[in-house]
């Protein structure tokens, strides 16, 4: 451990990112190992790279040093961590639906192409009314059932379809939930802005995301849905009310999986980026 090649690592803590150049092939050439320092011992240096622990004999080390942390390759995460106020969409960003494939199977049974059932559901006037608080989820589900029957589907099949669809409360998207929890732990004001329904609070509780309810901005409560310009103005005003201070529009960093919602947020003045997973 006292060799000149390793003196730069003498004070480096385990877990730090390091690069170790060492001899291979009987000393004929050298190669680098970049990863996290696990142990610096008298006989070997142990570095973890992508989950694999590599033991390098001290006698083979040419040079070793600490290097800066890896850049954050999840650009959306880095974007939100720079925010004065972070705002994220819910569906497709923090939660996803039909993880079991039950809804897709139901669509097939009814003769829909993939996504056809949801296209029918969201095409009904009750859906547009619901997301701005002028109708309730139960009314929407009843309207979908009635439409299926009027389109010629047997009542029993329509009932089964509605039961399958309404029982899916979504599933958390783990990387985004971890990101949101990290933002909150760091003290960044963080909000979830969704074109949701009156059922969203119950759904979040059931899938283990009830801790996000104090941070929820639901179009069904605000009275305007994305991408209407008014929705961003009302959401911004609600953010200011909850924080008890004025918030510059440029302080807000927003992400959504729908480009039209992102474009509208930029028009309003928020900094915005289309959501992608890492």
Protein backbone atom coordinates (compact mmCIF):
# COMPACT_ATOMS: atom_id res chain seq x y z
CA UNK A 1 0.00 0.00 0.00
CA UNK A 2 3.02 2.26 0.41
CA UNK A 3 4.13 1.92 -3.23
CA UNK A 4 4.45 5.20 -5.19
CA UNK A 5 1.81 4.02 -7.66
CA UNK A 6 -0.79 3.86 -4.88
CA UNK A 7 0.08 6.88 -2.79
CA UNK A 8 -2.80 8.90 -4.29
CA UNK A 9 -5.30 6.41 -2.88
CA UNK A 10 -3.94 6.46 0.65
CA UNK A 11 -6.62 8.90 1.86
CA UNK A 12 -9.44 7.92 -0.50
CA UNK A 13 -12.51 6.53 1.22
CA UNK A 14 -14.11 3.24 0.15
CA UNK A 15 -16.97 3.93 -2.25
CA UNK A 16 -15.10 6.72 -4.03
CA UNK A 17 -14.76 6.53 -7.80
CA UNK A 18 -11.23 5.59 -8.82
CA UNK A 19 -9.22 4.49 -11.83
CA UNK A 20 -6.47 1.90 -11.43
CA UNK A 21 -4.01 1.25 -14.25
CA UNK A 22 -2.29 -2.11 -13.91
CA UNK A 23 -0.14 -4.53 -15.87
CA UNK A 24 -1.58 -7.61 -17.54
CA UNK A 25 -0.30 -10.41 -19.76
CA UNK A 26 2.91 -10.79 -17.76
CA UNK A 27 3.61 -7.08 -17.86
CA UNK A 28 3.40 -6.84 -21.65
CA UNK A 29 0.67 -4.17 -21.53
CA UNK A 30 -1.49 -2.18 -19.14
CA UNK A 31 -5.23 -1.68 -18.78
CA UNK A 32 -7.48 0.54 -16.68
CA UNK A 33 -10.21 -0.40 -14.23
CA UNK A 34 -12.71 2.37 -13.47
CA UNK A 35 -15.13 1.86 -10.60
CA UNK A 36 -15.72 2.26 -6.87
CA UNK A 37 -12.93 1.56 -4.41
CA UNK A 38 -13.85 -1.34 -2.15
CA UNK A 39 -10.57 -1.99 -0.35
CA UNK A 40 -6.95 -0.86 -0.46
CA UNK A 41 -4.81 -3.54 1.13
CA UNK A 42 -1.18 -4.54 1.38
CA UNK A 43 -1.51 -7.22 -1.28
CA UNK A 44 -4.35 -6.12 -3.53
CA UNK A 45 -6.65 -3.28 -4.49
CA UNK A 46 -10.31 -4.22 -4.88
CA UNK A 47 -12.49 -2.15 -7.23
CA UNK A 48 -16.17 -2.73 -7.96
CA UNK A 49 -17.20 -2.17 -11.58
CA UNK A 50 -20.84 -2.65 -12.66
CA UNK A 51 -21.45 -5.03 -9.78
CA UNK A 52 -18.28 -7.06 -10.30
CA UNK A 53 -15.45 -6.92 -7.76
CA UNK A 54 -12.01 -6.92 -9.36
CA UNK A 55 -8.93 -7.70 -7.24
CA UNK A 56 -5.75 -6.13 -8.63
CA UNK A 57 -2.37 -7.18 -7.19
CA UNK A 58 -0.55 -4.19 -5.71
CA UNK A 59 2.65 -5.27 -7.47
CA UNK A 60 0.91 -4.81 -10.86
CA UNK A 61 -0.41 -1.30 -10.25
CA UNK A 62 1.16 1.36 -12.47
CA UNK A 63 -0.85 4.32 -11.18
CA UNK A 64 -4.11 4.82 -9.32
CA UNK A 65 -6.11 7.92 -8.48
CA UNK A 66 -9.52 9.21 -7.49
CA UNK A 67 -11.68 10.61 -10.31
CA UNK A 68 -14.81 12.79 -10.29
CA UNK A 69 -18.21 11.13 -9.86
CA UNK A 70 -19.84 9.82 -13.01
CA UNK A 71 -22.05 12.35 -14.78
CA UNK A 72 -25.77 11.98 -14.15
CA UNK A 73 -26.91 10.26 -17.33
CA UNK A 74 -30.59 10.54 -16.45
CA UNK A 75 -31.03 14.03 -17.80
CA UNK A 76 -34.54 14.44 -16.44
CA UNK A 77 -33.26 13.71 -12.93
CA UNK A 78 -30.43 16.22 -13.24
CA UNK A 79 -32.89 18.76 -14.67
CA UNK A 80 -35.27 18.38 -11.71
CA UNK A 81 -32.46 18.46 -9.14
CA UNK A 82 -31.54 21.92 -10.40
CA UNK A 83 -35.09 23.15 -9.88
CA UNK A 84 -36.29 25.79 -7.48
CA UNK A 85 -39.63 23.97 -7.66
CA UNK A 86 -39.95 20.52 -9.29
CA UNK A 87 -43.22 19.49 -10.95
CA UNK A 88 -43.85 16.05 -12.44
CA UNK A 89 -46.73 14.52 -14.33
CA UNK A 90 -48.24 11.40 -12.74
CA UNK A 91 -49.37 8.83 -15.30
CA UNK A 92 -46.54 7.55 -17.46
CA UNK A 93 -44.04 9.31 -15.20
CA UNK A 94 -44.61 8.23 -11.59
CA UNK A 95 -47.04 5.38 -12.20
CA UNK A 96 -47.89 3.07 -15.06
CA UNK A 97 -50.91 0.92 -15.81
CA UNK A 98 -51.71 -2.65 -16.86
CA UNK A 99 -48.50 -4.20 -15.58
CA UNK A 100 -50.31 -7.57 -15.49
CA UNK A 101 -51.57 -7.34 -19.07
CA UNK A 102 -55.17 -7.89 -17.94
CA UNK A 103 -56.51 -4.80 -19.71
CA UNK A 104 -54.68 -5.68 -22.93
CA UNK A 105 -56.17 -9.19 -22.78
CA UNK A 106 -59.62 -7.71 -22.19
CA UNK A 107 -59.21 -5.47 -25.26
CA UNK A 108 -58.36 -8.51 -27.35
CA UNK A 109 -61.45 -10.37 -26.11
CA UNK A 110 -63.64 -7.42 -27.09
CA UNK A 111 -62.05 -7.15 -30.52
CA UNK A 112 -60.15 -3.90 -29.91
CA UNK A 113 -56.67 -3.23 -31.16
CA UNK A 114 -54.10 -2.38 -28.49
CA UNK A 115 -55.13 0.89 -26.84
CA UNK A 116 -58.52 0.85 -28.54
CA UNK A 117 -60.52 0.45 -25.34
CA UNK A 118 -58.82 3.44 -23.71
CA UNK A 119 -59.23 5.43 -26.92
CA UNK A 120 -62.98 4.80 -26.72
CA UNK A 121 -63.07 5.67 -23.02
CA UNK A 122 -61.17 8.95 -23.36
CA UNK A 123 -63.18 9.90 -26.43
CA UNK A 124 -66.39 10.16 -24.43
CA UNK A 125 -67.58 13.61 -23.26
CA UNK A 126 -67.65 12.34 -19.67
CA UNK A 127 -63.87 11.94 -19.79
CA UNK A 128 -63.27 15.58 -20.73
CA UNK A 129 -65.72 16.71 -18.09
CA UNK A 130 -64.19 14.46 -15.43
CA UNK A 131 -60.62 15.77 -15.68
CA UNK A 132 -61.81 19.32 -14.97
CA UNK A 133 -64.04 18.31 -12.06
CA UNK A 134 -67.39 18.46 -13.88
CA UNK A 135 -68.03 14.72 -13.71
CA UNK A 136 -66.92 11.89 -11.48
CA UNK A 137 -64.99 8.72 -12.25
CA UNK A 138 -68.06 6.58 -11.55
CA UNK A 139 -70.06 8.51 -14.16
CA UNK A 140 -67.28 7.99 -16.69
CA UNK A 141 -67.13 4.25 -16.03
CA UNK A 142 -70.92 4.03 -16.42
CA UNK A 143 -70.72 5.90 -19.72
CA UNK A 144 -68.03 3.52 -21.00
CA UNK A 145 -70.19 0.52 -20.02
CA UNK A 146 -73.20 2.00 -21.80
CA UNK A 147 -71.13 2.69 -24.92
CA UNK A 148 -69.83 -0.88 -25.04
CA UNK A 149 -73.37 -2.23 -24.84
CA UNK A 150 -74.66 0.21 -27.45
CA UNK A 151 -71.82 -0.91 -29.75
CA UNK A 152 -73.16 -4.46 -29.56
CA UNK A 153 -71.07 -6.06 -26.83
CA UNK A 154 -73.02 -8.39 -24.51
CA UNK A 155 -73.88 -6.85 -21.16
CA UNK A 156 -71.93 -9.55 -19.32
CA UNK A 157 -68.82 -8.84 -21.40
CA UNK A 158 -69.19 -5.11 -20.83
CA UNK A 159 -69.50 -5.64 -17.08
CA UNK A 160 -66.38 -7.83 -17.04
CA UNK A 161 -64.45 -5.26 -19.07
CA UNK A 162 -65.35 -2.43 -16.72
CA UNK A 163 -64.41 -4.55 -13.70
CA UNK A 164 -61.00 -5.35 -15.21
CA UNK A 165 -60.31 -1.75 -16.17
CA UNK A 166 -61.45 -0.06 -12.96
CA UNK A 167 -59.56 -2.51 -10.73
CA UNK A 168 -56.23 -1.35 -12.17
CA UNK A 169 -55.03 1.46 -9.90
CA UNK A 170 -51.61 1.60 -11.53
CA UNK A 171 -48.14 0.60 -10.35
CA UNK A 172 -45.31 2.86 -9.14
CA UNK A 173 -42.44 3.50 -11.54
CA UNK A 174 -39.57 2.79 -9.15
CA UNK A 175 -36.82 5.10 -10.52
CA UNK A 176 -39.15 8.10 -10.59
CA UNK A 177 -40.55 7.43 -7.14
CA UNK A 178 -36.99 7.21 -5.84
CA UNK A 179 -36.19 10.49 -7.60
CA UNK A 180 -39.22 12.24 -6.11
CA UNK A 181 -38.43 10.94 -2.64
CA UNK A 182 -34.86 12.19 -3.06
CA UNK A 183 -36.06 15.64 -4.12
CA UNK A 184 -38.34 15.86 -1.10
CA UNK A 185 -35.57 14.67 1.24
CA UNK A 186 -33.27 17.35 -0.18
CA UNK A 187 -35.86 20.02 0.59
CA UNK A 188 -36.83 20.78 -3.02
CA UNK A 189 -40.50 21.83 -3.23
CA UNK A 190 -41.97 19.08 -5.39
CA UNK A 191 -45.44 18.69 -6.89
CA UNK A 192 -47.31 16.10 -8.95
CA UNK A 193 -49.46 17.76 -11.65
CA UNK A 194 -51.96 15.40 -13.26
CA UNK A 195 -55.01 15.44 -15.50
CA UNK A 196 -56.56 13.19 -12.91
CA UNK A 197 -59.93 12.17 -11.56
CA UNK A 198 -61.68 12.31 -8.23
CA UNK A 199 -60.36 8.75 -7.67
CA UNK A 200 -56.64 9.66 -7.82
CA UNK A 201 -56.15 10.10 -4.03
CA UNK A 202 -57.60 6.64 -3.35
CA UNK A 203 -55.53 5.11 -6.14
CA UNK A 204 -52.30 6.59 -4.81
CA UNK A 205 -53.04 5.30 -1.32
CA UNK A 206 -53.68 1.80 -2.66
CA UNK A 207 -50.41 1.59 -4.59
CA UNK A 208 -48.25 2.89 -1.75
CA UNK A 209 -47.89 6.49 -2.94
CA UNK A 210 -50.11 8.12 -0.36
CA UNK A 211 -47.17 10.22 0.83
CA UNK A 212 -47.47 12.18 -2.42
CA UNK A 213 -51.01 13.38 -1.71
CA UNK A 214 -49.88 16.64 -0.02
CA UNK A 215 -47.96 17.40 -3.22
CA UNK A 216 -50.82 16.63 -5.65
CA UNK A 217 -52.06 19.20 -8.17
CA UNK A 218 -55.09 17.50 -9.73
CA UNK A 219 -56.84 19.04 -12.74
CA UNK A 220 -60.11 17.67 -11.37
CA UNK A 221 -59.65 20.03 -8.41
CA UNK A 222 -58.07 22.93 -10.32
CA UNK A 223 -60.78 23.09 -12.98
CA UNK A 224 -58.42 23.17 -15.96
CA UNK A 225 -56.50 20.36 -17.67
CA UNK A 226 -53.15 20.29 -19.44
CA UNK A 227 -52.31 21.54 -22.03
CA UNK A 228 -54.77 24.43 -21.62
CA UNK A 229 -52.77 27.61 -20.80
CA UNK A 230 -55.08 28.25 -17.85
CA UNK A 231 -54.06 24.97 -16.25
CA UNK A 232 -50.46 26.11 -15.79
CA UNK A 233 -51.51 29.50 -14.43
CA UNK A 234 -53.87 27.90 -11.90
CA UNK A 235 -51.29 25.27 -10.94
CA UNK A 236 -48.62 27.96 -10.49
CA UNK A 237 -50.93 30.00 -8.29
CA UNK A 238 -51.63 26.92 -6.18
CA UNK A 239 -47.90 26.24 -5.82
CA UNK A 240 -47.41 29.80 -4.58
CA UNK A 241 -50.32 29.43 -2.16
CA UNK A 242 -48.97 26.21 -0.68
CA UNK A 243 -45.42 27.53 -0.40
CA UNK A 244 -46.61 30.86 0.98
CA UNK A 245 -44.35 32.89 -1.29
CA UNK A 246 -44.01 34.25 -4.77
CA UNK A 247 -42.47 31.78 -7.23
CA UNK A 248 -40.85 32.96 -10.44
CA UNK A 249 -42.07 30.96 -13.44
CA UNK A 250 -38.45 30.22 -14.36
CA UNK A 251 -37.92 28.53 -10.97
CA UNK A 252 -40.28 25.73 -11.95
CA UNK A 253 -38.84 22.69 -13.72
CA UNK A 254 -41.57 20.48 -15.19
CA UNK A 255 -41.55 17.06 -16.85
CA UNK A 256 -44.35 15.21 -18.63
CA UNK A 257 -44.44 12.28 -21.03
CA UNK A 258 -46.65 14.21 -23.47
CA UNK A 259 -44.76 16.69 -25.68
CA UNK A 260 -47.88 18.87 -26.07
CA UNK A 261 -48.01 19.38 -22.30
CA UNK A 262 -44.30 20.22 -22.22
CA UNK A 263 -44.67 22.73 -25.05
CA UNK A 264 -47.58 24.43 -23.29
CA UNK A 265 -45.59 24.63 -20.04
CA UNK A 266 -42.74 26.35 -21.89
CA UNK A 267 -45.19 28.81 -23.39
CA UNK A 268 -46.33 29.65 -19.88
CA UNK A 269 -42.74 30.25 -18.78
CA UNK A 270 -41.86 27.09 -16.89
CA UNK A 271 -38.69 25.26 -17.81
CA UNK A 272 -39.89 21.95 -19.18
CA UNK A 273 -38.56 18.69 -20.56
CA UNK A 274 -40.18 15.57 -22.03
CA UNK A 275 -39.94 12.72 -19.54
CA UNK A 276 -37.72 9.74 -20.26
CA UNK A 277 -36.66 6.92 -17.97
CA UNK A 278 -32.95 6.41 -17.22
